[in-house]
Amino acid sequence: MSAHPLSGLVCLLAPALVAAQELAVPEPLQEAPWQARDERLRIQDARKQVQAETDQANAACYQKFAVSDCLRDVRAKNRPLLDALRRQEIILNDMERQAKAIEALKKIEEKSLGEAKSPPAAFSGRPAAQ
């Protein structure tokens, strides 16, 4: 009797499924997936605001004698702001990735449980007609 091709995969993923079930899906994504989209829009708006301020500061720098120093100072001032936005975006991406992985593992588990409950096809001793 040959095993189902996915049975080995399910056996390999079972420990990961148990671990994934222990990990809770981050609540913002579990309860309201649209909040992730809103958060992305907020990050995008903040990034646009920082860029607009940078453009304005750069324009002011070109009115000064020490343009390079001024531009360097503007970049140094804005770098932590942009880095913080990037970190928030990375955290959001990780949360979405975890939620998708947990959903995929749940689907695999449901499918494997469904296949385990269904009775195997009767063996007639003859090859199936084609």
N, C-alpha and C. Protein backbone atom coordinates (compact mmCIF):
# COMPACT_ATOMS: atom_id res chain seq x y z
N MET A 1 0.85 -1.17 0.00
CA MET A 1 0.00 0.00 0.00
C MET A 1 0.89 1.23 0.00
N SER A 2 0.69 2.13 -0.93
CA SER A 2 1.55 3.32 -1.00
C SER A 2 0.91 4.45 -0.21
N ALA A 3 1.76 5.25 0.40
CA ALA A 3 1.28 6.38 1.20
C ALA A 3 0.93 7.54 0.28
N HIS A 4 0.06 8.38 0.75
CA HIS A 4 -0.31 9.58 0.01
C HIS A 4 0.92 10.47 -0.12
N PRO A 5 1.15 11.10 -1.28
CA PRO A 5 2.36 11.91 -1.47
C PRO A 5 2.51 13.05 -0.46
N LEU A 6 1.41 13.56 0.05
CA LEU A 6 1.50 14.66 1.00
C LEU A 6 1.66 14.20 2.44
N SER A 7 1.52 12.91 2.69
CA SER A 7 1.59 12.44 4.07
C SER A 7 2.97 12.71 4.67
N GLY A 8 4.02 12.54 3.88
CA GLY A 8 5.36 12.85 4.38
C GLY A 8 5.52 14.32 4.69
N LEU A 9 4.95 15.16 3.84
CA LEU A 9 5.01 16.61 4.05
C LEU A 9 4.25 16.99 5.31
N VAL A 10 3.09 16.38 5.50
CA VAL A 10 2.30 16.68 6.70
C VAL A 10 3.06 16.26 7.94
N CYS A 11 3.72 15.11 7.88
CA CYS A 11 4.51 14.64 9.04
C CYS A 11 5.64 15.60 9.34
N LEU A 12 6.26 16.13 8.30
CA LEU A 12 7.35 17.08 8.50
C LEU A 12 6.84 18.41 9.03
N LEU A 13 5.65 18.82 8.60
CA LEU A 13 5.12 20.12 8.99
C LEU A 13 4.34 20.08 10.30
N ALA A 14 4.04 18.90 10.80
CA ALA A 14 3.24 18.81 12.03
C ALA A 14 3.87 19.56 13.20
N PRO A 15 5.20 19.39 13.45
CA PRO A 15 5.78 20.17 14.56
C PRO A 15 5.69 21.68 14.31
N ALA A 16 5.86 22.08 13.08
CA ALA A 16 5.76 23.51 12.76
C ALA A 16 4.33 24.00 12.97
N LEU A 17 3.37 23.14 12.67
CA LEU A 17 1.97 23.52 12.87
C LEU A 17 1.66 23.70 14.35
N VAL A 18 2.17 22.79 15.16
CA VAL A 18 1.96 22.91 16.60
C VAL A 18 2.59 24.20 17.11
N ALA A 19 3.80 24.48 16.65
CA ALA A 19 4.48 25.71 17.07
C ALA A 19 3.72 26.93 16.57
N ALA A 20 3.19 26.85 15.37
CA ALA A 20 2.45 27.99 14.81
C ALA A 20 1.16 28.22 15.57
N GLN A 21 0.54 27.16 16.03
CA GLN A 21 -0.69 27.33 16.79
C GLN A 21 -0.41 27.95 18.14
N GLU A 22 0.78 27.66 18.69
CA GLU A 22 1.15 28.26 19.97
C GLU A 22 1.39 29.76 19.79
N LEU A 23 1.90 30.12 18.63
CA LEU A 23 2.09 31.53 18.35
C LEU A 23 0.73 32.11 17.97
N ALA A 24 0.36 33.13 18.59
CA ALA A 24 -0.91 33.76 18.24
C ALA A 24 -0.72 34.63 17.02
N VAL A 25 -1.71 34.64 16.15
CA VAL A 25 -1.66 35.56 15.03
C VAL A 25 -1.74 36.96 15.62
N PRO A 26 -0.87 37.86 15.20
CA PRO A 26 -0.92 39.20 15.76
C PRO A 26 -2.33 39.76 15.67
N GLU A 27 -2.83 40.27 16.79
CA GLU A 27 -4.22 40.69 16.87
C GLU A 27 -4.63 41.69 15.81
N PRO A 28 -3.81 42.68 15.48
CA PRO A 28 -4.26 43.62 14.45
C PRO A 28 -4.58 42.92 13.13
N LEU A 29 -3.81 41.90 12.78
CA LEU A 29 -4.07 41.21 11.51
C LEU A 29 -5.16 40.17 11.66
N GLN A 30 -5.30 39.59 12.85
CA GLN A 30 -6.31 38.57 13.06
C GLN A 30 -7.71 39.17 13.06
N GLU A 31 -7.87 40.27 13.73
CA GLU A 31 -9.19 40.86 13.87
C GLU A 31 -9.56 41.77 12.70
N ALA A 32 -8.61 42.50 12.19
CA ALA A 32 -8.92 43.46 11.13
C ALA A 32 -7.76 43.56 10.14
N PRO A 33 -7.77 42.74 9.09
CA PRO A 33 -6.66 42.78 8.13
C PRO A 33 -6.54 44.13 7.40
N TRP A 34 -7.63 44.87 7.33
CA TRP A 34 -7.57 46.17 6.64
C TRP A 34 -6.71 47.15 7.43
N GLN A 35 -6.50 46.89 8.73
CA GLN A 35 -5.66 47.78 9.52
C GLN A 35 -4.22 47.77 9.02
N ALA A 36 -3.78 46.65 8.49
CA ALA A 36 -2.44 46.57 7.91
C ALA A 36 -2.33 47.53 6.73
N ARG A 37 -3.39 47.57 5.93
CA ARG A 37 -3.40 48.49 4.78
C ARG A 37 -3.39 49.94 5.27
N ASP A 38 -4.18 50.22 6.30
CA ASP A 38 -4.20 51.58 6.86
C ASP A 38 -2.84 51.96 7.42
N GLU A 39 -2.19 50.99 8.07
CA GLU A 39 -0.85 51.25 8.62
C GLU A 39 0.15 51.53 7.50
N ARG A 40 0.04 50.77 6.41
CA ARG A 40 0.93 51.03 5.26
C ARG A 40 0.71 52.43 4.70
N LEU A 41 -0.55 52.83 4.62
CA LEU A 41 -0.86 54.18 4.13
C LEU A 41 -0.30 55.25 5.07
N ARG A 42 -0.40 55.00 6.37
CA ARG A 42 0.14 55.94 7.35
C ARG A 42 1.66 56.07 7.19
N ILE A 43 2.33 54.94 7.01
CA ILE A 43 3.78 54.95 6.82
C ILE A 43 4.12 55.69 5.53
N GLN A 44 3.37 55.42 4.48
CA GLN A 44 3.61 56.08 3.19
C GLN A 44 3.41 57.59 3.32
N ASP A 45 2.36 58.01 4.01
CA ASP A 45 2.11 59.45 4.21
C ASP A 45 3.23 60.10 5.03
N ALA A 46 3.68 59.40 6.06
CA ALA A 46 4.78 59.93 6.89
C ALA A 46 6.05 60.06 6.06
N ARG A 47 6.29 59.07 5.22
CA ARG A 47 7.48 59.11 4.36
C ARG A 47 7.38 60.28 3.37
N LYS A 48 6.19 60.52 2.82
CA LYS A 48 5.99 61.65 1.91
C LYS A 48 6.22 62.98 2.64
N GLN A 49 5.76 63.05 3.88
CA GLN A 49 5.94 64.27 4.66
C GLN A 49 7.42 64.52 4.93
N VAL A 50 8.15 63.48 5.29
CA VAL A 50 9.59 63.63 5.52
C VAL A 50 10.28 64.06 4.23
N GLN A 51 9.86 63.48 3.11
CA GLN A 51 10.46 63.84 1.82
C GLN A 51 10.18 65.29 1.47
N ALA A 52 8.95 65.76 1.74
CA ALA A 52 8.61 67.16 1.46
C ALA A 52 9.44 68.10 2.33
N GLU A 53 9.60 67.74 3.61
CA GLU A 53 10.43 68.56 4.49
C GLU A 53 11.89 68.55 4.03
N THR A 54 12.35 67.39 3.56
CA THR A 54 13.71 67.29 3.06
C THR A 54 13.90 68.17 1.83
N ASP A 55 12.94 68.14 0.92
CA ASP A 55 13.03 68.97 -0.29
C ASP A 55 13.07 70.45 0.08
N GLN A 56 12.24 70.83 1.05
CA GLN A 56 12.21 72.22 1.48
C GLN A 56 13.54 72.62 2.13
N ALA A 57 14.07 71.74 2.97
CA ALA A 57 15.35 72.02 3.63
C ALA A 57 16.48 72.06 2.60
N ASN A 58 16.43 71.17 1.62
CA ASN A 58 17.46 71.17 0.58
C ASN A 58 17.42 72.47 -0.21
N ALA A 59 16.23 72.94 -0.52
CA ALA A 59 16.11 74.21 -1.24
C ALA A 59 16.70 75.35 -0.42
N ALA A 60 16.48 75.33 0.89
CA ALA A 60 17.07 76.36 1.75
C ALA A 60 18.59 76.24 1.79
N CYS A 61 19.09 75.00 1.71
CA CYS A 61 20.54 74.79 1.73
C CYS A 61 21.21 75.44 0.51
N TYR A 62 20.54 75.38 -0.62
CA TYR A 62 21.13 75.94 -1.83
C TYR A 62 21.22 77.47 -1.78
N GLN A 63 20.55 78.07 -0.80
CA GLN A 63 20.63 79.51 -0.63
C GLN A 63 21.81 79.90 0.27
N LYS A 64 22.43 78.91 0.90
CA LYS A 64 23.54 79.17 1.82
C LYS A 64 24.87 79.02 1.11
N PHE A 65 25.91 79.49 1.79
CA PHE A 65 27.25 79.41 1.23
C PHE A 65 27.77 77.97 1.33
N ALA A 66 27.58 77.31 2.48
CA ALA A 66 28.09 75.96 2.72
C ALA A 66 26.99 74.94 2.37
N VAL A 67 26.78 74.75 1.09
CA VAL A 67 25.69 73.89 0.63
C VAL A 67 25.91 72.44 1.05
N SER A 68 27.10 71.91 0.86
CA SER A 68 27.37 70.50 1.16
C SER A 68 27.16 70.18 2.63
N ASP A 69 27.66 71.04 3.51
CA ASP A 69 27.48 70.82 4.94
C ASP A 69 26.00 70.85 5.31
N CYS A 70 25.29 71.78 4.76
CA CYS A 70 23.86 71.90 5.05
C CYS A 70 23.11 70.66 4.56
N LEU A 71 23.40 70.19 3.35
CA LEU A 71 22.74 69.00 2.82
C LEU A 71 23.07 67.77 3.67
N ARG A 72 24.30 67.67 4.12
CA ARG A 72 24.72 66.56 4.98
C ARG A 72 23.94 66.59 6.30
N ASP A 73 23.76 67.80 6.85
CA ASP A 73 23.01 67.93 8.10
C ASP A 73 21.54 67.54 7.90
N VAL A 74 20.96 67.91 6.77
CA VAL A 74 19.57 67.56 6.48
C VAL A 74 19.43 66.04 6.38
N ARG A 75 20.35 65.40 5.67
CA ARG A 75 20.31 63.94 5.54
C ARG A 75 20.47 63.27 6.90
N ALA A 76 21.39 63.79 7.72
CA ALA A 76 21.62 63.22 9.04
C ALA A 76 20.38 63.38 9.93
N LYS A 77 19.68 64.48 9.77
CA LYS A 77 18.47 64.73 10.56
C LYS A 77 17.33 63.81 10.13
N ASN A 78 17.21 63.55 8.84
CA ASN A 78 16.10 62.76 8.32
C ASN A 78 16.34 61.26 8.35
N ARG A 79 17.59 60.85 8.41
CA ARG A 79 17.91 59.41 8.39
C ARG A 79 17.21 58.65 9.53
N PRO A 80 17.26 59.13 10.78
CA PRO A 80 16.56 58.38 11.85
C PRO A 80 15.05 58.30 11.63
N LEU A 81 14.47 59.33 11.07
CA LEU A 81 13.03 59.31 10.80
C LEU A 81 12.68 58.25 9.77
N LEU A 82 13.46 58.23 8.68
CA LEU A 82 13.21 57.24 7.63
C LEU A 82 13.53 55.83 8.12
N ASP A 83 14.57 55.69 8.95
CA ASP A 83 14.90 54.38 9.50
C ASP A 83 13.77 53.85 10.39
N ALA A 84 13.18 54.73 11.19
CA ALA A 84 12.07 54.32 12.05
C ALA A 84 10.87 53.87 11.22
N LEU A 85 10.59 54.59 10.14
CA LEU A 85 9.49 54.19 9.26
C LEU A 85 9.78 52.85 8.60
N ARG A 86 11.02 52.64 8.21
CA ARG A 86 11.41 51.36 7.59
C ARG A 86 11.26 50.21 8.58
N ARG A 87 11.66 50.44 9.83
CA ARG A 87 11.51 49.40 10.86
C ARG A 87 10.04 49.05 11.06
N GLN A 88 9.18 50.06 11.07
CA GLN A 88 7.74 49.81 11.22
C GLN A 88 7.21 48.99 10.04
N GLU A 89 7.69 49.31 8.86
CA GLU A 89 7.27 48.59 7.66
C GLU A 89 7.74 47.14 7.71
N ILE A 90 8.95 46.91 8.18
CA ILE A 90 9.48 45.55 8.29
C ILE A 90 8.67 44.74 9.29
N ILE A 91 8.32 45.36 10.42
CA ILE A 91 7.51 44.68 11.43
C ILE A 91 6.14 44.32 10.85
N LEU A 92 5.56 45.24 10.12
CA LEU A 92 4.26 44.98 9.48
C LEU A 92 4.37 43.83 8.48
N ASN A 93 5.42 43.83 7.68
CA ASN A 93 5.64 42.74 6.71
C ASN A 93 5.78 41.40 7.43
N ASP A 94 6.54 41.39 8.53
CA ASP A 94 6.71 40.15 9.29
C ASP A 94 5.39 39.65 9.86
N MET A 95 4.57 40.57 10.37
CA MET A 95 3.28 40.18 10.92
C MET A 95 2.39 39.59 9.83
N GLU A 96 2.38 40.20 8.67
CA GLU A 96 1.57 39.68 7.56
C GLU A 96 2.09 38.31 7.11
N ARG A 97 3.39 38.17 7.04
CA ARG A 97 3.99 36.89 6.64
C ARG A 97 3.64 35.79 7.63
N GLN A 98 3.70 36.10 8.93
CA GLN A 98 3.35 35.12 9.95
C GLN A 98 1.87 34.73 9.85
N ALA A 99 1.02 35.70 9.64
CA ALA A 99 -0.41 35.42 9.53
C ALA A 99 -0.68 34.52 8.32
N LYS A 100 -0.03 34.80 7.20
CA LYS A 100 -0.23 33.98 6.00
C LYS A 100 0.31 32.56 6.22
N ALA A 101 1.44 32.44 6.89
CA ALA A 101 2.01 31.12 7.15
C ALA A 101 1.11 30.31 8.05
N ILE A 102 0.55 30.94 9.06
CA ILE A 102 -0.35 30.23 9.97
C ILE A 102 -1.61 29.79 9.23
N GLU A 103 -2.13 30.65 8.37
CA GLU A 103 -3.31 30.27 7.58
C GLU A 103 -2.99 29.10 6.66
N ALA A 104 -1.82 29.12 6.03
CA ALA A 104 -1.43 28.03 5.14
C ALA A 104 -1.30 26.72 5.92
N LEU A 105 -0.70 26.78 7.11
CA LEU A 105 -0.57 25.58 7.93
C LEU A 105 -1.94 25.06 8.38
N LYS A 106 -2.85 25.98 8.68
CA LYS A 106 -4.20 25.56 9.07
C LYS A 106 -4.90 24.85 7.90
N LYS A 107 -4.73 25.38 6.69
CA LYS A 107 -5.35 24.76 5.52
C LYS A 107 -4.77 23.36 5.29
N ILE A 108 -3.46 23.23 5.46
CA ILE A 108 -2.82 21.92 5.28
C ILE A 108 -3.35 20.95 6.33
N GLU A 109 -3.47 21.43 7.57
CA GLU A 109 -3.98 20.56 8.64
C GLU A 109 -5.41 20.14 8.35
N GLU A 110 -6.26 21.09 7.94
CA GLU A 110 -7.65 20.76 7.64
C GLU A 110 -7.74 19.76 6.50
N LYS A 111 -6.90 19.95 5.50
CA LYS A 111 -6.91 19.04 4.35
C LYS A 111 -6.44 17.65 4.77
N SER A 112 -5.40 17.60 5.58
CA SER A 112 -4.89 16.29 6.00
C SER A 112 -5.89 15.59 6.92
N LEU A 113 -6.57 16.35 7.77
CA LEU A 113 -7.59 15.74 8.63
C LEU A 113 -8.77 15.25 7.80
N GLY A 114 -9.13 16.00 6.77
CA GLY A 114 -10.21 15.58 5.89
C GLY A 114 -9.87 14.31 5.14
N GLU A 115 -8.63 14.19 4.70
CA GLU A 115 -8.19 12.99 3.98
C GLU A 115 -8.09 11.80 4.94
N ALA A 116 -7.71 12.06 6.18
CA ALA A 116 -7.58 10.97 7.14
C ALA A 116 -8.95 10.42 7.52
N LYS A 117 -9.96 11.27 7.54
CA LYS A 117 -11.31 10.82 7.90
C LYS A 117 -12.00 10.07 6.76
N SER A 118 -11.66 10.40 5.52
CA SER A 118 -12.32 9.74 4.40
C SER A 118 -11.76 8.32 4.26
N PRO A 119 -12.63 7.34 3.99
CA PRO A 119 -12.16 5.96 3.86
C PRO A 119 -11.33 5.80 2.59
N PRO A 120 -10.33 4.92 2.62
CA PRO A 120 -9.52 4.73 1.42
C PRO A 120 -10.33 4.03 0.33
N ALA A 121 -9.95 4.25 -0.88
CA ALA A 121 -10.64 3.65 -2.02
C ALA A 121 -10.49 2.12 -1.95
N ALA A 122 -11.54 1.42 -2.32
CA ALA A 122 -11.52 -0.03 -2.27
C ALA A 122 -10.55 -0.57 -3.33
N PHE A 123 -9.81 -1.59 -2.97
CA PHE A 123 -8.86 -2.19 -3.88
C PHE A 123 -9.52 -3.39 -4.54
N SER A 124 -9.63 -3.37 -5.85
CA SER A 124 -10.33 -4.45 -6.54
C SER A 124 -9.36 -5.48 -7.10
N GLY A 125 -8.06 -5.21 -7.04
CA GLY A 125 -7.11 -6.16 -7.59
C GLY A 125 -6.83 -5.95 -9.05
N ARG A 126 -7.60 -5.10 -9.72
CA ARG A 126 -7.41 -4.81 -11.14
C ARG A 126 -7.03 -3.35 -11.32
N PRO A 127 -6.29 -3.03 -12.35
CA PRO A 127 -5.98 -1.62 -12.62
C PRO A 127 -7.26 -0.90 -13.00
N ALA A 128 -7.29 0.35 -12.70
CA ALA A 128 -8.47 1.18 -13.03
C ALA A 128 -8.59 1.34 -14.53
N ALA A 129 -9.81 1.33 -15.01
CA ALA A 129 -10.08 1.49 -16.45
C ALA A 129 -9.79 2.92 -16.85
N GLN A 130 -9.23 3.05 -18.03
CA GLN A 130 -8.87 4.40 -18.49
C GLN A 130 -9.72 4.84 -19.61
